[in-house]
Amino acid sequence: MRRKLIGYVIEKSGYSQRRACRLVRVNRSTLRYLRREQPFNDALRMRIREIALKRIHYGFRRVHAVLRREGWAAGIDRVKRLYRLEGLKLRPKQRKRRRSDV
């Protein structure tokens, strides 16, 4: 959002990048930052989805444990983020109804 705002200020007013960043109160390093995409995220996402669909009662913590056993070098925060990006969530357990003895 801020990048778009800075781009707009530069385009409309003709200000330099430095001046536009100062005006919007954003560090220039924020504007120049390029996010590196992790190369194995897609494969990891597919594997997380496979595990979660195979074992529907596994949340992201148990999925992470399975991945560690399989040799994936992924931290729990990354697994949690990818788990949520896939739209997965642990299904709540159905409560057992107690039968009355009347």
Protein backbone atom coordinates (compact mmCIF):
# COMPACT_ATOMS: atom_id res chain seq x y z
CA MET A 1 0.00 0.00 0.00
CA ARG A 2 2.75 2.44 0.94
CA ARG A 3 4.69 1.56 -2.19
CA LYS A 4 1.67 2.44 -4.29
CA LEU A 5 1.29 5.70 -2.42
CA ILE A 6 4.93 6.63 -2.99
CA GLY A 7 4.61 5.70 -6.67
CA TYR A 8 1.56 7.93 -6.92
CA VAL A 9 3.38 10.86 -5.28
CA ILE A 10 6.37 10.44 -7.60
CA GLU A 11 4.17 10.20 -10.69
CA LYS A 12 1.83 13.11 -9.94
CA SER A 13 4.22 15.59 -8.34
CA GLY A 14 7.47 14.69 -10.04
CA TYR A 15 9.24 14.44 -6.68
CA SER A 16 12.34 12.35 -6.33
CA GLN A 17 12.12 8.99 -4.64
CA ARG A 18 13.96 10.34 -1.62
CA ARG A 19 11.62 13.30 -1.22
CA ALA A 20 8.49 11.22 -1.79
CA CYS A 21 9.60 8.73 0.87
CA ARG A 22 10.27 11.54 3.32
CA LEU A 23 6.84 13.05 2.57
CA VAL A 24 5.02 9.75 3.19
CA ARG A 25 7.36 8.98 6.14
CA VAL A 26 8.62 5.67 4.84
CA ASN A 27 12.20 4.46 4.80
CA ARG A 28 13.65 4.16 1.32
CA SER A 29 14.84 0.67 2.19
CA THR A 30 11.18 -0.31 2.57
CA LEU A 31 10.49 0.89 -0.95
CA ARG A 32 13.51 -0.87 -2.45
CA TYR A 33 13.06 -4.16 -0.60
CA LEU A 34 12.50 -7.15 -2.89
CA ARG A 35 10.97 -10.20 -1.28
CA ARG A 36 12.71 -13.46 -2.08
CA GLU A 37 10.33 -16.31 -2.77
CA GLN A 38 11.41 -19.57 -1.21
CA PRO A 39 11.99 -22.18 -3.93
CA PHE A 40 10.48 -25.14 -2.10
CA ASN A 41 7.34 -23.45 -0.80
CA ASP A 42 5.17 -24.95 -3.56
CA ALA A 43 6.35 -28.49 -2.91
CA LEU A 44 5.97 -27.98 0.82
CA ARG A 45 2.45 -26.60 0.39
CA MET A 46 1.48 -29.64 -1.68
CA ARG A 47 2.91 -32.00 0.94
CA ILE A 48 1.11 -30.16 3.78
CA ARG A 49 -2.15 -30.45 1.85
CA GLU A 50 -1.61 -34.17 1.24
CA ILE A 51 -0.94 -34.85 4.92
CA ALA A 52 -3.88 -32.73 6.07
CA LEU A 53 -6.31 -34.40 3.67
CA LYS A 54 -5.07 -37.87 4.55
CA ARG A 55 -5.23 -37.22 8.30
CA ILE A 56 -8.12 -34.83 8.85
CA HIS A 57 -7.55 -34.65 12.60
CA TYR A 58 -4.01 -33.32 12.21
CA GLY A 59 -3.52 -29.64 12.91
CA PHE A 60 -0.48 -27.69 11.78
CA ARG A 61 1.57 -28.85 14.78
CA ARG A 62 1.17 -32.54 13.99
CA VAL A 63 1.67 -31.85 10.29
CA HIS A 64 4.91 -30.10 11.23
CA ALA A 65 5.99 -33.15 13.25
CA VAL A 66 5.31 -35.44 10.28
CA LEU A 67 7.27 -33.13 7.97
CA ARG A 68 10.23 -33.10 10.36
CA ARG A 69 10.23 -36.90 10.43
CA GLU A 70 10.21 -36.94 6.64
CA GLY A 71 13.24 -34.65 6.56
CA TRP A 72 11.73 -31.29 5.56
CA ALA A 73 13.68 -28.34 6.95
CA ALA A 74 10.73 -26.06 7.64
CA GLY A 75 10.05 -24.19 10.86
CA ILE A 76 6.70 -24.33 12.59
CA ASP A 77 5.90 -20.71 11.70
CA ARG A 78 6.33 -21.42 8.00
CA VAL A 79 4.22 -24.57 8.26
CA LYS A 80 1.50 -22.63 10.10
CA ARG A 81 1.51 -19.87 7.47
CA LEU A 82 1.34 -22.31 4.55
CA TYR A 83 -1.29 -24.41 6.34
CA ARG A 84 -3.49 -21.33 6.62
CA LEU A 85 -2.78 -20.21 3.06
CA GLU A 86 -4.07 -23.58 1.87
CA GLY A 87 -7.32 -22.82 3.68
CA LEU A 88 -6.92 -25.74 6.05
CA LYS A 89 -8.06 -25.80 9.62
CA LEU A 90 -8.58 -28.45 12.20
CA ARG A 91 -12.17 -29.60 12.31
CA PRO A 92 -13.72 -29.37 15.75
CA LYS A 93 -14.60 -32.65 17.40
CA GLN A 94 -18.26 -33.54 17.71
CA ARG A 95 -19.38 -33.69 21.31
CA LYS A 96 -20.65 -37.05 22.44
CA ARG A 97 -24.13 -36.89 23.80
CA ARG A 98 -24.65 -38.46 27.13
CA ARG A 99 -27.65 -40.70 27.24
CA SER A 100 -29.97 -40.20 30.14
CA ASP A 101 -30.81 -43.29 32.17
CA VAL A 102 -34.41 -42.32 32.76
